[in-house]
C-alpha atoms as a PDB file:
ATOM      1  CA  MET A   1      47.103  81.429 -16.923  1.00  0.00           C
ATOM      2  CA  THR A   2      50.426  80.744 -18.604  1.00  0.00           C
ATOM      3  CA  VAL A   3      52.235  77.431 -18.830  1.00  0.00           C
ATOM      4  CA  ASN A   4      55.977  77.248 -19.470  1.00  0.00           C
ATOM      5  CA  VAL A   5      58.738  74.722 -18.833  1.00  0.00           C
ATOM      6  CA  ILE A   6      62.224  75.328 -17.512  1.00  0.00           C
ATOM      7  CA  ALA A   7      64.768  72.809 -18.789  1.00  0.00           C
ATOM      8  CA  PRO A   8      67.930  73.203 -16.723  1.00  0.00           C
ATOM      9  CA  GLY A   9      71.273  71.877 -17.877  1.00  0.00           C
ATOM     10  CA  TYR A  10      74.028  70.894 -15.483  1.00  0.00           C
ATOM     11  CA  ILE A  11      73.420  72.862 -12.297  1.00  0.00           C
ATOM     12  CA  THR A  12      75.781  72.842  -9.315  1.00  0.00           C
ATOM     13  CA  THR A  13      73.828  71.225  -6.480  1.00  0.00           C
ATOM     14  CA  ARG A  14      74.596  68.929  -3.577  1.00  0.00           C
ATOM     15  CA  MET A  15      74.099  66.038  -5.978  1.00  0.00           C
ATOM     16  CA  THR A  16      76.465  67.326  -8.668  1.00  0.00           C
ATOM     17  CA  GLU A  17      79.059  68.394  -6.109  1.00  0.00           C
ATOM     18  CA  LYS A  18      79.595  64.706  -5.496  1.00  0.00           C
ATOM     19  CA  LEU A  19      80.901  64.273  -9.065  1.00  0.00           C
ATOM     20  CA  ALA A  20      84.613  63.927  -9.409  1.00  0.00           C
ATOM     21  CA  PRO A  21      86.163  67.378 -10.000  1.00  0.00           C
ATOM     22  CA  GLU A  22      87.583  66.243 -13.346  1.00  0.00           C
ATOM     23  CA  LEU A  23      84.090  65.248 -14.530  1.00  0.00           C
ATOM     24  CA  SER A  24      82.723  68.696 -13.573  1.00  0.00           C
ATOM     25  CA  GLU A  25      85.559  70.277 -15.521  1.00  0.00           C
ATOM     26  CA  LYS A  26      84.819  68.078 -18.551  1.00  0.00           C
ATOM     27  CA  LEU A  27      81.188  69.096 -18.448  1.00  0.00           C
ATOM     28  CA  ALA A  28      82.091  72.771 -18.131  1.00  0.00           C
ATOM     29  CA  ASP A  29      84.371  72.496 -21.145  1.00  0.00           C
ATOM     30  CA  GLN A  30      81.368  71.415 -23.265  1.00  0.00           C
ATOM     31  CA  ILE A  31      79.249  74.388 -22.198  1.00  0.00           C
ATOM     32  CA  PRO A  32      79.761  77.533 -24.307  1.00  0.00           C
ATOM     33  CA  LEU A  33      79.630  79.791 -21.224  1.00  0.00           C
ATOM     34  CA  GLY A  34      82.376  77.644 -19.670  1.00  0.00           C
ATOM     35  CA  ARG A  35      80.780  76.739 -16.354  1.00  0.00           C
ATOM     36  CA  LEU A  36      78.036  74.697 -14.755  1.00  0.00           C
ATOM     37  CA  GLY A  37      74.921  76.641 -13.842  1.00  0.00           C
ATOM     38  CA  ARG A  38      74.095  77.864 -10.390  1.00  0.00           C
ATOM     39  CA  PRO A  39      70.749  77.438  -8.640  1.00  0.00           C
ATOM     40  CA  GLU A  40      70.264  81.199  -8.813  1.00  0.00           C
ATOM     41  CA  ASP A  41      70.465  81.011 -12.638  1.00  0.00           C
ATOM     42  CA  VAL A  42      67.307  78.904 -12.585  1.00  0.00           C
ATOM     43  CA  ALA A  43      65.727  80.846  -9.722  1.00  0.00           C
ATOM     44  CA  SER A  44      66.038  84.121 -11.670  1.00  0.00           C
ATOM     45  CA  LEU A  45      64.073  82.669 -14.574  1.00  0.00           C
ATOM     46  CA  ILE A  46      61.428  81.302 -12.216  1.00  0.00           C
ATOM     47  CA  ARG A  47      61.096  84.701 -10.569  1.00  0.00           C
ATOM     48  CA  PHE A  48      60.755  86.372 -14.000  1.00  0.00           C
ATOM     49  CA  LEU A  49      58.155  83.897 -15.285  1.00  0.00           C
ATOM     50  CA  ALA A  50      56.098  84.290 -12.114  1.00  0.00           C
ATOM     51  CA  GLY A  51      55.971  88.062 -12.524  1.00  0.00           C
ATOM     52  CA  ASP A  52      53.833  90.428 -14.547  1.00  0.00           C
ATOM     53  CA  ARG A  53      56.605  91.091 -17.117  1.00  0.00           C
ATOM     54  CA  ALA A  54      56.226  87.528 -18.425  1.00  0.00           C
ATOM     55  CA  SER A  55      52.409  87.655 -18.675  1.00  0.00           C
ATOM     56  CA  TYR A  56      52.418  87.151 -22.445  1.00  0.00           C
ATOM     57  CA  ILE A  57      54.905  84.265 -22.505  1.00  0.00           C
ATOM     58  CA  THR A  58      53.261  80.873 -22.645  1.00  0.00           C
ATOM     59  CA  GLY A  59      53.849  77.434 -24.171  1.00  0.00           C
ATOM     60  CA  GLN A  60      57.634  77.775 -24.060  1.00  0.00           C
ATOM     61  CA  VAL A  61      60.437  75.432 -23.089  1.00  0.00           C
ATOM     62  CA  LEU A  62      63.232  77.617 -21.739  1.00  0.00           C
ATOM     63  CA  GLN A  63      66.720  76.123 -21.648  1.00  0.00           C
ATOM     64  CA  VAL A  64      68.936  77.232 -18.791  1.00  0.00           C
ATOM     65  CA  ASP A  65      72.082  75.436 -19.828  1.00  0.00           C
ATOM     66  CA  GLY A  66      74.748  77.968 -20.716  1.00  0.00           C
ATOM     67  CA  GLY A  67      74.272  77.263 -24.417  1.00  0.00           C
ATOM     68  CA  LEU A  68      74.891  73.508 -24.235  1.00  0.00           C
ATOM     69  CA  VAL A  69      72.067  72.515 -26.618  1.00  0.00           C
ATOM     70  CA  MET A  70      72.658  75.274 -29.177  1.00  0.00           C
END
């Protein structure tokens, strides 16, 4: 069994869509990739970690934040 953690940054969801557009733009300006994440950005990592190709990855905290915490 492997155990990993996904730590998402700002992801566009129904909750974050309620933010004022200027706040979303401010957040995106702070992210090196220049945009908020999408749910599929996180889903892709989940899919990978659940598969055989990630069978030797364990004990990791994986940031999905467009480089925000670098």
